[in-house]
Amino acid sequence: MENRAAQRQHLRQSRQRLQGPGAPDEDRSDGFDRGGWLVPYASAHTTEVVEGWFREADAFLFGRTSFGLLGGYWSKVTDPDDLIATKLNTLPKYVVSSTLTDEEADWSPTTVLRGDLVDEVRRLKELPGRELQVHGSWQLVQALHRAGLVDVHRLLQYPVVVGTGKRLFPDGSTPATFATVEERSRVLPGGVVSLTLDPVSRGALSAGAYTVDEGRSATVLG
């Protein structure tokens, strides 16, 4: 996309969580009973990374469930020195829902998007500003991925196997390849991995095979 400085052309999907990371009862949908798994790994280092993401935000995009979960918590955090709370509580928020009423969307300032998702997000990406960020909202992220609308994925990978729950890319996801942005990816103290991934291709994967050529192992790319 052109005119990078003048448009909010970058939709950033910042995902430090999938299901129920912050408390046992945060999200028990589909019988999930392992909530709170992230908390033992939270540290000043992970906070520093996440605050770095939020500094780039000029607006947020949510699915209905994440909007309710995040709003229910962060709207109560009134510490003016809390960067994340200040950003979430003051910047424009857009929530994708066909059932949420304007009265229910009372985490101000919030706009409910009821039209075609792809058209609505493309319109938002043309607005002046920096980043339009998605946090949580796993089903929304999958829809944006299918449409090719996510410009950057930011992930925190924790050294724990939860074993169940919502997945970022479930079975049936559109195939894609990514390039790791090395200067913005690192292993944090405690084993958490911060990754920044730029999409390279979507809809097809490169493939190859291992073969033996004159007694030597070799690779052949298709």
C-alpha atoms as a PDB file:
ATOM      1  CA  MET A   1       0.000   0.000   0.000  1.00  0.00           C
ATOM      2  CA  GLU A   2       1.187   3.509  -0.798  1.00  0.00           C
ATOM      3  CA  ASN A   3       1.557   6.672   1.259  1.00  0.00           C
ATOM      4  CA  ARG A   4       2.595   4.817   4.370  1.00  0.00           C
ATOM      5  CA  ALA A   5       3.078   7.942   6.486  1.00  0.00           C
ATOM      6  CA  ALA A   6      -0.347   9.410   5.805  1.00  0.00           C
ATOM      7  CA  GLN A   7      -2.591   6.396   6.234  1.00  0.00           C
ATOM      8  CA  ARG A   8      -3.426   3.985   9.014  1.00  0.00           C
ATOM      9  CA  GLN A   9      -2.661   1.288   6.486  1.00  0.00           C
ATOM     10  CA  HIS A  10      -1.162  -1.097   9.043  1.00  0.00           C
ATOM     11  CA  LEU A  11      -3.530  -3.387  10.879  1.00  0.00           C
ATOM     12  CA  ARG A  12      -1.497  -4.859  13.711  1.00  0.00           C
ATOM     13  CA  GLN A  13      -2.641  -8.020  15.350  1.00  0.00           C
ATOM     14  CA  SER A  14      -1.004  -8.032  18.775  1.00  0.00           C
ATOM     15  CA  ARG A  15      -1.671 -11.265  20.511  1.00  0.00           C
ATOM     16  CA  GLN A  16      -0.215 -12.010  23.916  1.00  0.00           C
ATOM     17  CA  ARG A  17      -3.011 -14.388  24.726  1.00  0.00           C
ATOM     18  CA  LEU A  18      -5.502 -16.870  23.383  1.00  0.00           C
ATOM     19  CA  GLN A  19      -8.074 -18.167  25.854  1.00  0.00           C
ATOM     20  CA  GLY A  20      -8.427 -17.233  29.494  1.00  0.00           C
ATOM     21  CA  PRO A  21      -4.838 -16.151  30.167  1.00  0.00           C
ATOM     22  CA  GLY A  22      -5.529 -13.757  33.018  1.00  0.00           C
ATOM     23  CA  ALA A  23      -7.859 -15.551  35.446  1.00  0.00           C
ATOM     24  CA  PRO A  24      -9.533 -18.946  35.980  1.00  0.00           C
ATOM     25  CA  ASP A  25     -12.993 -17.548  35.176  1.00  0.00           C
ATOM     26  CA  GLU A  26     -11.984 -15.140  32.414  1.00  0.00           C
ATOM     27  CA  ASP A  27     -13.287 -17.282  29.543  1.00  0.00           C
ATOM     28  CA  ARG A  28     -14.795 -20.690  30.298  1.00  0.00           C
ATOM     29  CA  SER A  29     -16.492 -21.071  26.908  1.00  0.00           C
ATOM     30  CA  ASP A  30     -16.482 -24.594  25.465  1.00  0.00           C
ATOM     31  CA  GLY A  31     -15.680 -25.953  28.928  1.00  0.00           C
ATOM     32  CA  PHE A  32     -12.246 -24.323  29.187  1.00  0.00           C
ATOM     33  CA  ASP A  33     -10.980 -24.865  32.737  1.00  0.00           C
ATOM     34  CA  ARG A  34      -7.304 -23.852  32.553  1.00  0.00           C
ATOM     35  CA  GLY A  35      -7.597 -20.097  32.779  1.00  0.00           C
ATOM     36  CA  GLY A  36      -4.914 -17.987  34.400  1.00  0.00           C
ATOM     37  CA  TRP A  37      -2.054 -19.850  32.720  1.00  0.00           C
ATOM     38  CA  LEU A  38      -0.244 -16.650  31.654  1.00  0.00           C
ATOM     39  CA  VAL A  39       0.007 -14.993  35.064  1.00  0.00           C
ATOM     40  CA  PRO A  40       3.021 -16.978  36.404  1.00  0.00           C
ATOM     41  CA  TYR A  41       5.034 -15.795  33.373  1.00  0.00           C
ATOM     42  CA  ALA A  42       4.073 -12.120  33.527  1.00  0.00           C
ATOM     43  CA  SER A  43       7.028  -9.862  34.267  1.00  0.00           C
ATOM     44  CA  ALA A  44       8.430  -6.391  33.777  1.00  0.00           C
ATOM     45  CA  HIS A  45       9.912  -7.702  30.529  1.00  0.00           C
ATOM     46  CA  THR A  46       6.598  -8.803  29.021  1.00  0.00           C
ATOM     47  CA  THR A  47       5.002  -5.553  30.197  1.00  0.00           C
ATOM     48  CA  GLU A  48       7.746  -3.592  28.442  1.00  0.00           C
ATOM     49  CA  VAL A  49       7.065  -5.422  25.176  1.00  0.00           C
ATOM     50  CA  VAL A  50       3.303  -4.949  25.341  1.00  0.00           C
ATOM     51  CA  GLU A  51       3.630  -1.283  26.270  1.00  0.00           C
ATOM     52  CA  GLY A  52       5.834  -0.876  23.200  1.00  0.00           C
ATOM     53  CA  TRP A  53       2.984  -2.196  21.062  1.00  0.00           C
ATOM     54  CA  PHE A  54       0.447   0.114  22.668  1.00  0.00           C
ATOM     55  CA  ARG A  55       2.620   3.174  22.101  1.00  0.00           C
ATOM     56  CA  GLU A  56       2.057   2.704  18.355  1.00  0.00           C
ATOM     57  CA  ALA A  57      -1.742   2.487  18.602  1.00  0.00           C
ATOM     58  CA  ASP A  58      -4.123   5.152  17.371  1.00  0.00           C
ATOM     59  CA  ALA A  59      -7.260   2.983  17.470  1.00  0.00           C
ATOM     60  CA  PHE A  60      -8.398  -0.527  18.412  1.00  0.00           C
ATOM     61  CA  LEU A  61     -10.553  -3.153  16.700  1.00  0.00           C
ATOM     62  CA  PHE A  62     -12.256  -5.913  18.704  1.00  0.00           C
ATOM     63  CA  GLY A  63     -14.670  -8.783  18.416  1.00  0.00           C
ATOM     64  CA  ARG A  64     -17.610  -8.632  20.800  1.00  0.00           C
ATOM     65  CA  THR A  65     -16.275 -11.116  23.375  1.00  0.00           C
ATOM     66  CA  SER A  66     -12.835  -9.535  23.711  1.00  0.00           C
ATOM     67  CA  PHE A  67     -14.429  -6.089  23.806  1.00  0.00           C
ATOM     68  CA  GLY A  68     -16.469  -7.168  26.815  1.00  0.00           C
ATOM     69  CA  LEU A  69     -13.601  -8.922  28.583  1.00  0.00           C
ATOM     70  CA  LEU A  70     -11.063  -6.172  28.077  1.00  0.00           C
ATOM     71  CA  GLY A  71     -13.539  -3.380  28.762  1.00  0.00           C
ATOM     72  CA  GLY A  72     -14.704  -5.053  31.937  1.00  0.00           C
ATOM     73  CA  TYR A  73     -11.171  -4.925  33.299  1.00  0.00           C
ATOM     74  CA  TRP A  74      -9.310  -1.980  31.787  1.00  0.00           C
ATOM     75  CA  SER A  75     -12.133   0.531  32.154  1.00  0.00           C
ATOM     76  CA  LYS A  76     -11.638   0.166  35.919  1.00  0.00           C
ATOM     77  CA  VAL A  77      -7.898   0.918  35.761  1.00  0.00           C
ATOM     78  CA  THR A  78      -7.697   4.665  36.346  1.00  0.00           C
ATOM     79  CA  ASP A  79      -3.984   5.011  37.141  1.00  0.00           C
ATOM     80  CA  PRO A  80      -2.814   7.837  34.807  1.00  0.00           C
ATOM     81  CA  ASP A  81       0.653   6.271  34.667  1.00  0.00           C
ATOM     82  CA  ASP A  82      -0.692   2.997  33.257  1.00  0.00           C
ATOM     83  CA  LEU A  83       0.064   3.304  29.546  1.00  0.00           C
ATOM     84  CA  ILE A  84      -2.099   0.361  28.453  1.00  0.00           C
ATOM     85  CA  ALA A  85      -5.155   1.539  30.381  1.00  0.00           C
ATOM     86  CA  THR A  86      -4.739   5.113  29.172  1.00  0.00           C
ATOM     87  CA  LYS A  87      -4.558   4.016  25.544  1.00  0.00           C
ATOM     88  CA  LEU A  88      -7.509   1.639  25.801  1.00  0.00           C
ATOM     89  CA  ASN A  89      -9.687   4.045  27.737  1.00  0.00           C
ATOM     90  CA  THR A  90      -9.104   7.128  25.593  1.00  0.00           C
ATOM     91  CA  LEU A  91      -8.466   6.047  21.984  1.00  0.00           C
ATOM     92  CA  PRO A  92     -11.230   5.182  19.487  1.00  0.00           C
ATOM     93  CA  LYS A  93     -12.454   1.604  19.727  1.00  0.00           C
ATOM     94  CA  TYR A  94     -14.365  -0.309  17.050  1.00  0.00           C
ATOM     95  CA  VAL A  95     -16.218  -3.498  17.874  1.00  0.00           C
ATOM     96  CA  VAL A  96     -17.524  -5.887  15.218  1.00  0.00           C
ATOM     97  CA  SER A  97     -20.985  -7.118  16.174  1.00  0.00           C
ATOM     98  CA  SER A  98     -24.421  -7.542  14.677  1.00  0.00           C
ATOM     99  CA  THR A  99     -26.113  -7.797  18.085  1.00  0.00           C
ATOM    100  CA  LEU A 100     -24.317  -5.321  20.379  1.00  0.00           C
ATOM    101  CA  THR A 101     -26.330  -2.149  20.880  1.00  0.00           C
ATOM    102  CA  ASP A 102     -24.867   1.329  21.106  1.00  0.00           C
ATOM    103  CA  GLU A 103     -26.052   1.490  24.722  1.00  0.00           C
ATOM    104  CA  GLU A 104     -24.189  -1.722  25.571  1.00  0.00           C
ATOM    105  CA  ALA A 105     -21.021  -0.407  23.894  1.00  0.00           C
ATOM    106  CA  ASP A 106     -20.475   2.031  26.745  1.00  0.00           C
ATOM    107  CA  TRP A 107     -16.666   1.772  26.924  1.00  0.00           C
ATOM    108  CA  SER A 108     -16.249   5.210  25.418  1.00  0.00           C
ATOM    109  CA  PRO A 109     -15.294   6.132  22.766  1.00  0.00           C
ATOM    110  CA  THR A 110     -16.641   3.073  20.927  1.00  0.00           C
ATOM    111  CA  THR A 111     -18.257   2.581  17.526  1.00  0.00           C
ATOM    112  CA  VAL A 112     -20.115  -0.621  16.675  1.00  0.00           C
ATOM    113  CA  LEU A 113     -19.399  -1.939  13.175  1.00  0.00           C
ATOM    114  CA  ARG A 114     -22.441  -3.709  11.771  1.00  0.00           C
ATOM    115  CA  GLY A 115     -21.646  -3.666   8.042  1.00  0.00           C
ATOM    116  CA  ASP A 116     -19.510  -5.948   5.922  1.00  0.00           C
ATOM    117  CA  LEU A 117     -16.346  -6.709   7.901  1.00  0.00           C
ATOM    118  CA  VAL A 118     -13.911  -6.433   4.997  1.00  0.00           C
ATOM    119  CA  ASP A 119     -15.395  -3.149   3.761  1.00  0.00           C
ATOM    120  CA  GLU A 120     -15.477  -1.672   7.264  1.00  0.00           C
ATOM    121  CA  VAL A 121     -11.861  -2.579   8.032  1.00  0.00           C
ATOM    122  CA  ARG A 122     -10.605  -1.330   4.696  1.00  0.00           C
ATOM    123  CA  ARG A 123     -12.331   1.974   5.411  1.00  0.00           C
ATOM    124  CA  LEU A 124     -10.704   2.194   8.839  1.00  0.00           C
ATOM    125  CA  LYS A 125      -7.283   1.459   7.398  1.00  0.00           C
ATOM    126  CA  GLU A 126      -7.596   4.491   5.135  1.00  0.00           C
ATOM    127  CA  LEU A 127      -8.087   6.887   8.053  1.00  0.00           C
ATOM    128  CA  PRO A 128      -5.170   9.136   9.057  1.00  0.00           C
ATOM    129  CA  GLY A 129      -3.100   7.926  11.957  1.00  0.00           C
ATOM    130  CA  ARG A 130      -0.733   5.224  13.044  1.00  0.00           C
ATOM    131  CA  GLU A 131      -1.776   1.692  13.951  1.00  0.00           C
ATOM    132  CA  LEU A 132      -5.202   0.087  14.121  1.00  0.00           C
ATOM    133  CA  GLN A 133      -4.574  -2.742  16.593  1.00  0.00           C
ATOM    134  CA  VAL A 134      -6.437  -5.949  17.362  1.00  0.00           C
ATOM    135  CA  HIS A 135      -5.924  -7.580  20.762  1.00  0.00           C
ATOM    136  CA  GLY A 136      -7.518 -10.910  21.551  1.00  0.00           C
ATOM    137  CA  SER A 137     -10.536 -11.396  19.236  1.00  0.00           C
ATOM    138  CA  TRP A 138      -9.436 -14.760  17.847  1.00  0.00           C
ATOM    139  CA  GLN A 139     -12.347 -15.233  15.421  1.00  0.00           C
ATOM    140  CA  LEU A 140     -12.001 -11.676  14.146  1.00  0.00           C
ATOM    141  CA  VAL A 141      -8.273 -12.192  13.573  1.00  0.00           C
ATOM    142  CA  GLN A 142      -8.975 -15.358  11.582  1.00  0.00           C
ATOM    143  CA  ALA A 143     -11.448 -13.490   9.363  1.00  0.00           C
ATOM    144  CA  LEU A 144      -8.950 -10.675   8.822  1.00  0.00           C
ATOM    145  CA  HIS A 145      -6.236 -13.216   8.019  1.00  0.00           C
ATOM    146  CA  ARG A 146      -8.441 -14.867   5.399  1.00  0.00           C
ATOM    147  CA  ALA A 147      -9.089 -11.474   3.827  1.00  0.00           C
ATOM    148  CA  GLY A 148      -5.397 -10.550   3.817  1.00  0.00           C
ATOM    149  CA  LEU A 149      -5.974  -7.489   5.976  1.00  0.00           C
ATOM    150  CA  VAL A 150      -3.418  -8.086   8.760  1.00  0.00           C
ATOM    151  CA  ASP A 151      -0.168  -6.268   8.062  1.00  0.00           C
ATOM    152  CA  VAL A 152       1.797  -7.463  11.083  1.00  0.00           C
ATOM    153  CA  HIS A 153       1.368 -10.200  13.689  1.00  0.00           C
ATOM    154  CA  ARG A 154       2.892  -9.587  17.112  1.00  0.00           C
ATOM    155  CA  LEU A 155       2.965 -12.595  19.424  1.00  0.00           C
ATOM    156  CA  LEU A 156       4.179 -13.512  22.868  1.00  0.00           C
ATOM    157  CA  GLN A 157       4.865 -17.245  23.022  1.00  0.00           C
ATOM    158  CA  TYR A 158       4.936 -18.649  26.536  1.00  0.00           C
ATOM    159  CA  PRO A 159       6.858 -21.769  27.663  1.00  0.00           C
ATOM    160  CA  VAL A 160       3.730 -23.652  28.656  1.00  0.00           C
ATOM    161  CA  VAL A 161       1.435 -26.151  26.932  1.00  0.00           C
ATOM    162  CA  VAL A 162      -2.156 -25.401  27.900  1.00  0.00           C
ATOM    163  CA  GLY A 163      -3.400 -28.398  25.918  1.00  0.00           C
ATOM    164  CA  THR A 164      -6.828 -27.075  24.992  1.00  0.00           C
ATOM    165  CA  GLY A 165      -8.652 -23.863  24.187  1.00  0.00           C
ATOM    166  CA  LYS A 166      -8.880 -21.398  21.338  1.00  0.00           C
ATOM    167  CA  ARG A 167      -6.160 -21.387  18.695  1.00  0.00           C
ATOM    168  CA  LEU A 168      -4.800 -18.524  16.659  1.00  0.00           C
ATOM    169  CA  PHE A 169      -4.695 -20.600  13.469  1.00  0.00           C
ATOM    170  CA  PRO A 170      -7.075 -23.582  13.816  1.00  0.00           C
ATOM    171  CA  ASP A 171      -7.576 -26.389  11.316  1.00  0.00           C
ATOM    172  CA  GLY A 172      -8.746 -24.968   8.004  1.00  0.00           C
ATOM    173  CA  SER A 173      -6.885 -21.659   8.315  1.00  0.00           C
ATOM    174  CA  THR A 174      -5.694 -20.064   5.096  1.00  0.00           C
ATOM    175  CA  PRO A 175      -2.101 -21.199   4.411  1.00  0.00           C
ATOM    176  CA  ALA A 176       0.455 -18.431   4.800  1.00  0.00           C
ATOM    177  CA  THR A 177       4.134 -17.745   5.240  1.00  0.00           C
ATOM    178  CA  PHE A 178       5.749 -15.058   7.356  1.00  0.00           C
ATOM    179  CA  ALA A 179       9.086 -13.318   7.749  1.00  0.00           C
ATOM    180  CA  THR A 180      10.416 -12.795  11.266  1.00  0.00           C
ATOM    181  CA  VAL A 181      11.355  -9.182  11.958  1.00  0.00           C
ATOM    182  CA  GLU A 182      14.571  -9.944  13.809  1.00  0.00           C
ATOM    183  CA  GLU A 183      15.171  -6.525  15.346  1.00  0.00           C
ATOM    184  CA  ARG A 184      11.742  -6.728  16.996  1.00  0.00           C
ATOM    185  CA  SER A 185      11.865 -10.386  18.046  1.00  0.00           C
ATOM    186  CA  ARG A 186      13.702 -11.765  21.046  1.00  0.00           C
ATOM    187  CA  VAL A 187      13.713 -14.274  23.882  1.00  0.00           C
ATOM    188  CA  LEU A 188      12.831 -12.541  27.146  1.00  0.00           C
ATOM    189  CA  PRO A 189      14.179 -13.487  30.574  1.00  0.00           C
ATOM    190  CA  GLY A 190      12.025 -16.357  31.827  1.00  0.00           C
ATOM    191  CA  GLY A 191      11.686 -17.984  28.412  1.00  0.00           C
ATOM    192  CA  VAL A 192       8.864 -15.955  26.855  1.00  0.00           C
ATOM    193  CA  VAL A 193       9.478 -15.364  23.141  1.00  0.00           C
ATOM    194  CA  SER A 194       8.445 -12.050  21.591  1.00  0.00           C
ATOM    195  CA  LEU A 195       7.826 -12.419  17.855  1.00  0.00           C
ATOM    196  CA  THR A 196       7.001  -9.884  15.177  1.00  0.00           C
ATOM    197  CA  LEU A 197       5.925 -11.502  11.907  1.00  0.00           C
ATOM    198  CA  ASP A 198       5.346  -9.841   8.546  1.00  0.00           C
ATOM    199  CA  PRO A 199       3.070 -11.744   6.138  1.00  0.00           C
ATOM    200  CA  VAL A 200       4.916 -12.836   2.989  1.00  0.00           C
ATOM    201  CA  SER A 201       2.395 -14.970   1.127  1.00  0.00           C
ATOM    202  CA  ARG A 202      -1.161 -16.145   1.659  1.00  0.00           C
ATOM    203  CA  GLY A 203      -3.096 -18.985   0.071  1.00  0.00           C
ATOM    204  CA  ALA A 204      -0.172 -21.189  -0.974  1.00  0.00           C
ATOM    205  CA  LEU A 205       2.939 -22.640   0.617  1.00  0.00           C
ATOM    206  CA  SER A 206       6.357 -23.218  -0.859  1.00  0.00           C
ATOM    207  CA  ALA A 207       7.343 -26.889  -0.684  1.00  0.00           C
ATOM    208  CA  GLY A 208      10.313 -29.094  -1.316  1.00  0.00           C
ATOM    209  CA  ALA A 209      11.819 -32.466  -0.564  1.00  0.00           C
ATOM    210  CA  TYR A 210      14.942 -34.066   0.792  1.00  0.00           C
ATOM    211  CA  THR A 211      16.774 -36.288  -1.654  1.00  0.00           C
ATOM    212  CA  VAL A 212      20.063 -38.150  -1.944  1.00  0.00           C
ATOM    213  CA  ASP A 213      22.343 -36.948  -4.741  1.00  0.00           C
ATOM    214  CA  GLU A 214      25.499 -39.003  -5.345  1.00  0.00           C
ATOM    215  CA  GLY A 215      25.506 -40.158  -1.749  1.00  0.00           C
ATOM    216  CA  ARG A 216      24.893 -36.689  -0.269  1.00  0.00           C
ATOM    217  CA  SER A 217      21.770 -35.400   1.384  1.00  0.00           C
ATOM    218  CA  ALA A 218      20.304 -32.496  -0.574  1.00  0.00           C
ATOM    219  CA  THR A 219      17.181 -30.406  -0.736  1.00  0.00           C
ATOM    220  CA  VAL A 220      15.047 -29.759  -3.793  1.00  0.00           C
ATOM    221  CA  LEU A 221      12.567 -26.886  -3.794  1.00  0.00           C
ATOM    222  CA  GLY A 222       9.392 -27.255  -5.838  1.00  0.00           C
END
